[in-house]
Protein backbone atom coordinates (compact mmCIF):
# COMPACT_ATOMS: atom_id res chain seq x y z
CA UNK A 1 214.91 -25.33 -0.39
CA UNK A 2 211.63 -27.16 0.26
CA UNK A 3 211.53 -29.07 3.54
CA UNK A 4 209.92 -32.50 3.61
CA UNK A 5 207.68 -32.92 6.62
CA UNK A 6 205.93 -36.31 6.42
CA UNK A 7 203.51 -35.63 9.26
CA UNK A 8 202.23 -32.38 7.78
CA UNK A 9 201.99 -33.96 4.34
CA UNK A 10 200.02 -36.86 5.81
CA UNK A 11 197.59 -34.51 7.60
CA UNK A 12 197.12 -32.42 4.45
CA UNK A 13 196.41 -35.46 2.28
CA UNK A 14 194.11 -36.94 4.93
CA UNK A 15 192.05 -33.73 5.03
CA UNK A 16 191.97 -33.64 1.21
CA UNK A 17 190.84 -37.28 0.97
CA UNK A 18 188.18 -36.70 3.64
CA UNK A 19 186.84 -33.70 1.74
CA UNK A 20 186.72 -35.69 -1.50
CA UNK A 21 184.87 -38.48 0.31
CA UNK A 22 182.24 -36.04 1.61
CA UNK A 23 181.65 -34.72 -1.92
CA UNK A 24 181.79 -38.03 -3.79
CA UNK A 25 179.86 -40.31 -1.40
CA UNK A 26 176.39 -38.77 -2.05
CA UNK A 27 177.03 -39.09 -5.79
CA UNK A 28 178.00 -42.73 -5.26
CA UNK A 29 174.80 -43.33 -3.29
CA UNK A 30 172.74 -41.79 -6.08
CA UNK A 31 174.52 -44.01 -8.60
CA UNK A 32 173.87 -47.14 -6.52
CA UNK A 33 170.22 -46.18 -5.90
CA UNK A 34 169.70 -45.83 -9.65
CA UNK A 35 170.53 -49.54 -10.07
CA UNK A 36 167.92 -50.88 -7.60
CA UNK A 37 164.13 -51.03 -7.63
CA UNK A 38 161.98 -48.52 -5.73
CA UNK A 39 161.17 -50.84 -2.84
CA UNK A 40 164.84 -51.48 -2.07
CA UNK A 41 165.63 -47.76 -2.03
CA UNK A 42 162.66 -46.79 0.14
CA UNK A 43 163.14 -49.46 2.83
CA UNK A 44 166.34 -47.81 4.03
CA UNK A 45 168.34 -51.04 3.76
CA UNK A 46 169.82 -50.35 0.36
CA UNK A 47 173.18 -52.12 -0.09
CA UNK A 48 176.27 -50.22 -1.17
CA UNK A 49 176.76 -52.52 -4.16
CA UNK A 50 175.04 -52.11 -7.55
CA UNK A 51 171.72 -53.82 -8.16
CA UNK A 52 170.32 -55.61 -11.13
CA UNK A 53 167.93 -52.95 -12.48
CA UNK A 54 170.49 -50.63 -14.08
CA UNK A 55 169.49 -51.01 -17.72
CA UNK A 56 165.79 -51.04 -16.90
CA UNK A 57 165.93 -47.88 -14.80
CA UNK A 58 168.06 -45.87 -17.21
CA UNK A 59 166.03 -47.00 -20.22
CA UNK A 60 162.81 -45.93 -18.50
CA UNK A 61 164.30 -42.64 -17.40
CA UNK A 62 165.70 -41.70 -20.83
CA UNK A 63 163.04 -43.03 -23.21
CA UNK A 64 159.82 -43.76 -21.26
CA UNK A 65 159.48 -41.45 -18.27
CA UNK A 66 157.66 -42.02 -15.03
CA UNK A 67 154.46 -43.99 -14.85
CA UNK A 68 153.15 -42.44 -11.64
CA UNK A 69 153.78 -38.85 -12.62
CA UNK A 70 152.90 -36.94 -15.76
CA UNK A 71 156.28 -35.93 -17.16
CA UNK A 72 158.45 -36.22 -20.22
CA UNK A 73 161.32 -38.70 -20.55
CA UNK A 74 164.72 -37.53 -19.41
CA UNK A 75 165.98 -37.48 -23.00
CA UNK A 76 163.65 -34.57 -23.82
CA UNK A 77 164.55 -32.75 -20.61
CA UNK A 78 168.27 -33.18 -21.34
CA UNK A 79 167.74 -31.71 -24.80
CA UNK A 80 165.85 -28.73 -23.35
CA UNK A 81 168.56 -28.10 -20.76
CA UNK A 82 171.35 -28.44 -23.32
CA UNK A 83 169.72 -26.00 -25.75
CA UNK A 84 168.98 -23.55 -22.95
CA UNK A 85 172.45 -23.73 -21.37
CA UNK A 86 174.24 -23.50 -24.71
CA UNK A 87 172.07 -20.57 -25.82
CA UNK A 88 172.68 -18.72 -22.55
CA UNK A 89 176.46 -19.30 -22.71
CA UNK A 90 176.80 -18.30 -26.36
CA UNK A 91 174.48 -15.30 -25.92
CA UNK A 92 176.39 -14.04 -22.89
CA UNK A 93 179.73 -14.37 -24.68
CA UNK A 94 178.43 -12.65 -27.82
CA UNK A 95 176.96 -9.68 -25.96
CA UNK A 96 179.83 -9.40 -23.48
CA UNK A 97 182.65 -9.42 -26.01
CA UNK A 98 180.93 -6.83 -28.22
CA UNK A 99 180.09 -4.52 -25.31
CA UNK A 100 183.65 -4.81 -23.95
CA UNK A 101 185.06 -4.08 -27.41
CA UNK A 102 182.91 -0.96 -27.67
CA UNK A 103 183.85 0.26 -24.18
CA UNK A 104 187.60 -0.21 -24.66
CA UNK A 105 188.22 0.72 -28.31
CA UNK A 106 185.58 3.33 -29.11
CA UNK A 107 185.52 6.88 -27.81
CA UNK A 108 182.03 8.21 -27.15
CA UNK A 109 180.39 10.39 -24.47
CA UNK A 110 179.78 8.73 -21.09
CA UNK A 111 181.82 5.69 -22.09
CA UNK A 112 182.91 4.93 -18.51
CA UNK A 113 179.43 5.69 -17.24
CA UNK A 114 178.00 3.10 -19.61
CA UNK A 115 180.47 0.51 -18.33
CA UNK A 116 179.62 1.20 -14.68
CA UNK A 117 175.91 1.01 -15.44
CA UNK A 118 176.56 -2.44 -16.93
CA UNK A 119 178.64 -3.36 -13.88
CA UNK A 120 175.91 -2.26 -11.45
CA UNK A 121 173.53 -4.81 -12.98
CA UNK A 122 175.48 -7.45 -11.02
CA UNK A 123 173.28 -6.38 -8.12
CA UNK A 124 170.14 -7.15 -10.14
CA UNK A 125 170.03 -10.90 -10.81
CA UNK A 126 166.97 -12.43 -12.43
CA UNK A 127 165.55 -13.38 -9.02
CA UNK A 128 165.34 -9.69 -8.06
CA UNK A 129 163.58 -8.62 -11.29
CA UNK A 130 161.58 -11.80 -11.68
CA UNK A 131 158.11 -10.22 -11.95
CA UNK A 132 158.81 -7.52 -14.59
CA UNK A 133 160.92 -10.00 -16.58
CA UNK A 134 158.11 -12.54 -16.52
CA UNK A 135 155.60 -9.85 -17.55
CA UNK A 136 157.71 -8.87 -20.57
CA UNK A 137 158.20 -12.50 -21.62
CA UNK A 138 154.49 -13.23 -21.25
CA UNK A 139 153.49 -10.14 -23.25
CA UNK A 140 155.85 -11.22 -26.03
CA UNK A 141 154.24 -14.70 -26.04
CA UNK A 142 157.52 -16.43 -25.22
CA UNK A 143 156.24 -18.69 -22.44
CA UNK A 144 157.07 -22.36 -23.06
CA UNK A 145 159.64 -21.45 -25.72
CA UNK A 146 163.41 -21.70 -25.95
CA UNK A 147 163.56 -17.95 -26.54
CA UNK A 148 161.82 -17.38 -23.22
CA UNK A 149 164.30 -19.66 -21.47
CA UNK A 150 167.36 -18.04 -23.03
CA UNK A 151 166.89 -14.35 -23.87
CA UNK A 152 166.19 -12.92 -20.37
CA UNK A 153 169.40 -14.50 -19.05
CA UNK A 154 171.97 -13.67 -21.73
CA UNK A 155 173.08 -10.23 -20.45
CA UNK A 156 176.29 -10.63 -18.42
CA UNK A 157 178.12 -7.89 -16.55
CA UNK A 158 180.66 -10.48 -15.40
CA UNK A 159 181.53 -11.41 -18.98
CA UNK A 160 181.81 -7.76 -19.99
CA UNK A 161 184.19 -7.09 -17.09
CA UNK A 162 186.29 -10.15 -17.95
CA UNK A 163 186.67 -9.22 -21.62
CA UNK A 164 187.26 -5.54 -20.81
CA UNK A 165 190.12 -6.40 -18.47
CA UNK A 166 191.65 -8.64 -21.12
CA UNK A 167 191.27 -6.11 -23.95
CA UNK A 168 193.03 -3.50 -21.81
CA UNK A 169 196.10 -5.77 -21.70
CA UNK A 170 196.32 -6.05 -25.50
CA UNK A 171 199.26 -3.91 -26.71
CA UNK A 172 198.35 -0.70 -28.49
CA UNK A 173 200.88 -1.62 -31.18
CA UNK A 174 198.49 -4.28 -32.50
CA UNK A 175 195.80 -1.67 -33.03
CA UNK A 176 198.24 0.67 -34.72
CA UNK A 177 199.50 -2.13 -36.96
CA UNK A 178 195.94 -2.96 -37.98
CA UNK A 179 195.29 0.69 -38.85
CA UNK A 180 198.46 0.81 -40.97
CA UNK A 181 197.28 -2.31 -42.84
CA UNK A 182 194.00 -0.56 -43.55
CA UNK A 183 191.91 -2.77 -41.27
CA UNK A 184 188.68 -1.34 -39.95
CA UNK A 185 187.26 -1.93 -36.47
CA UNK A 186 185.41 -5.12 -37.43
CA UNK A 187 188.46 -6.64 -39.12
CA UNK A 188 190.66 -5.78 -36.14
CA UNK A 189 188.09 -7.42 -33.88
CA UNK A 190 187.76 -10.54 -36.06
CA UNK A 191 191.38 -11.07 -37.06
CA UNK A 192 193.21 -9.90 -33.93
CA UNK A 193 191.06 -9.82 -30.82
CA UNK A 194 189.03 -12.99 -31.36
CA UNK A 195 192.07 -15.29 -31.85
CA UNK A 196 193.68 -13.78 -28.74
CA UNK A 197 190.49 -14.27 -26.74
CA UNK A 198 190.05 -18.02 -27.31
CA UNK A 199 191.06 -19.05 -23.80
CA UNK A 200 188.98 -16.30 -22.21
CA UNK A 201 185.97 -17.32 -24.30
CA UNK A 202 186.46 -20.96 -23.29
CA UNK A 203 186.65 -20.10 -19.60
CA UNK A 204 183.54 -17.95 -19.78
CA UNK A 205 181.69 -20.62 -21.79
CA UNK A 206 182.29 -23.25 -19.12
CA UNK A 207 181.14 -20.94 -16.33
CA UNK A 208 178.04 -19.73 -18.16
CA UNK A 209 177.10 -23.19 -19.46
CA UNK A 210 177.02 -24.52 -15.90
CA UNK A 211 175.11 -21.40 -14.82
CA UNK A 212 172.49 -21.99 -17.51
CA UNK A 213 172.32 -25.73 -16.86
CA UNK A 214 171.63 -25.24 -13.14
CA UNK A 215 168.86 -22.69 -13.60
CA UNK A 216 165.81 -23.68 -11.56
CA UNK A 217 163.56 -20.74 -10.69
CA UNK A 218 163.28 -19.18 -14.15
CA UNK A 219 162.50 -22.42 -16.07
CA UNK A 220 160.08 -23.43 -13.33
CA UNK A 221 158.23 -20.14 -13.70
CA UNK A 222 157.86 -19.89 -17.48
CA UNK A 223 157.43 -23.55 -18.48
CA UNK A 224 153.96 -24.97 -17.97
CA UNK A 225 154.23 -27.82 -20.47
CA UNK A 226 156.08 -31.00 -19.54
CA UNK A 227 157.66 -31.05 -23.00
CA UNK A 228 159.54 -27.79 -22.26
CA UNK A 229 160.75 -28.43 -18.72
CA UNK A 230 164.48 -28.68 -18.04
CA UNK A 231 166.10 -31.55 -16.22
CA UNK A 232 166.67 -29.57 -13.01
CA UNK A 233 162.97 -28.79 -12.68
CA UNK A 234 162.09 -32.28 -13.87
CA UNK A 235 163.91 -33.93 -10.95
CA UNK A 236 161.82 -31.94 -8.48
CA UNK A 237 158.55 -32.84 -10.21
CA UNK A 238 159.45 -36.52 -10.09
CA UNK A 239 159.41 -36.54 -6.29
CA UNK A 240 155.68 -36.35 -5.67
CA UNK A 241 154.18 -35.70 -2.24
CA UNK A 242 151.16 -37.93 -2.75
CA UNK A 243 150.46 -41.27 -1.06
CA UNK A 244 152.01 -43.11 -3.99
CA UNK A 245 155.51 -44.48 -3.69
CA UNK A 246 157.98 -42.07 -5.27
CA UNK A 247 160.07 -43.59 -8.01
CA UNK A 248 163.36 -42.85 -6.30
CA UNK A 249 165.34 -45.11 -8.59
CA UNK A 250 164.28 -43.03 -11.61
CA UNK A 251 164.95 -39.80 -9.74
CA UNK A 252 168.46 -40.96 -8.90
CA UNK A 253 169.06 -42.09 -12.49
CA UNK A 254 167.90 -38.66 -13.67
CA UNK A 255 170.21 -36.94 -11.17
CA UNK A 256 173.18 -38.94 -12.46
CA UNK A 257 172.29 -38.12 -16.07
CA UNK A 258 171.92 -34.44 -15.14
CA UNK A 259 175.54 -34.39 -13.90
CA UNK A 260 177.06 -35.77 -17.07
CA UNK A 261 176.85 -32.81 -19.53
CA UNK A 262 178.40 -30.19 -17.16
CA UNK A 263 181.11 -32.65 -16.17
CA UNK A 264 181.81 -33.42 -19.83
CA UNK A 265 182.10 -29.71 -20.66
CA UNK A 266 184.54 -29.15 -17.80
CA UNK A 267 186.63 -32.22 -18.69
CA UNK A 268 186.88 -31.51 -22.41
CA UNK A 269 187.58 -27.80 -21.95
CA UNK A 270 189.66 -28.06 -18.79
CA UNK A 271 192.95 -26.93 -20.31
CA UNK A 272 191.47 -23.88 -22.04
CA UNK A 273 189.35 -23.13 -18.97
CA UNK A 274 192.35 -23.04 -16.63
CA UNK A 275 194.46 -21.04 -19.06
CA UNK A 276 191.65 -18.53 -19.52
CA UNK A 277 191.45 -17.91 -15.78
CA UNK A 278 195.14 -17.82 -14.84
CA UNK A 279 197.01 -16.49 -17.86
CA UNK A 280 198.21 -12.92 -17.52
CA UNK A 281 200.13 -12.71 -20.81
CA UNK A 282 198.36 -13.61 -24.06
């Protein structure tokens, strides 16, 4: 029987509401700042109510770009980030599910060794191998290209581990039934494993899309043209350190726009995402 303790419930909800306030209030400030002009934001006396420059600021941010800095409009940066994040997520899922399929269902020498070598790469993120990775990308003439943004980041030991653990829970009877029906390895993978892996794929897609969207160091290093910069690097370049007044209202509008695609992905795929993380029986 569950006991009702009003005081403890009140304290728990108060702590929860306070935590939400801490997280949401900076986002609210950014939203309000994006509706005022630069002078109002910089003076430090910005009101907590929306201003009258909302349409102007967002139109300039999306279609025009800054006038005091040399940069592309946010619309182009959003497109670059979306292509990069989607390519990274899809590439990681494609490589991870195939490598996990090979490790679990094929018998070859040093099979477990191959898996542990893949797993050890978790200790080698792109920041650790940044110089040799950059050298390879530069030698292949992939600087300022979508391939350069995507390909070095698509290997995923985490995804391989996730799919391997799921494939190991698939009953052996399904494999035997596929063999009796005359299905080969590819057909078993396409007709049996892929449909069972939908929730796992969705969960991994959400995680890897956000990972790709939030990339900062790698896009900053290999993109020298404003037309190829992502929105995360674009926000930093908007905040100049010169004597000119920074266009904070455009920076805040860009920050709000940068939040929308990851939030949309999480919202639209929330049910599959949660099921993919918590389900134990498929």
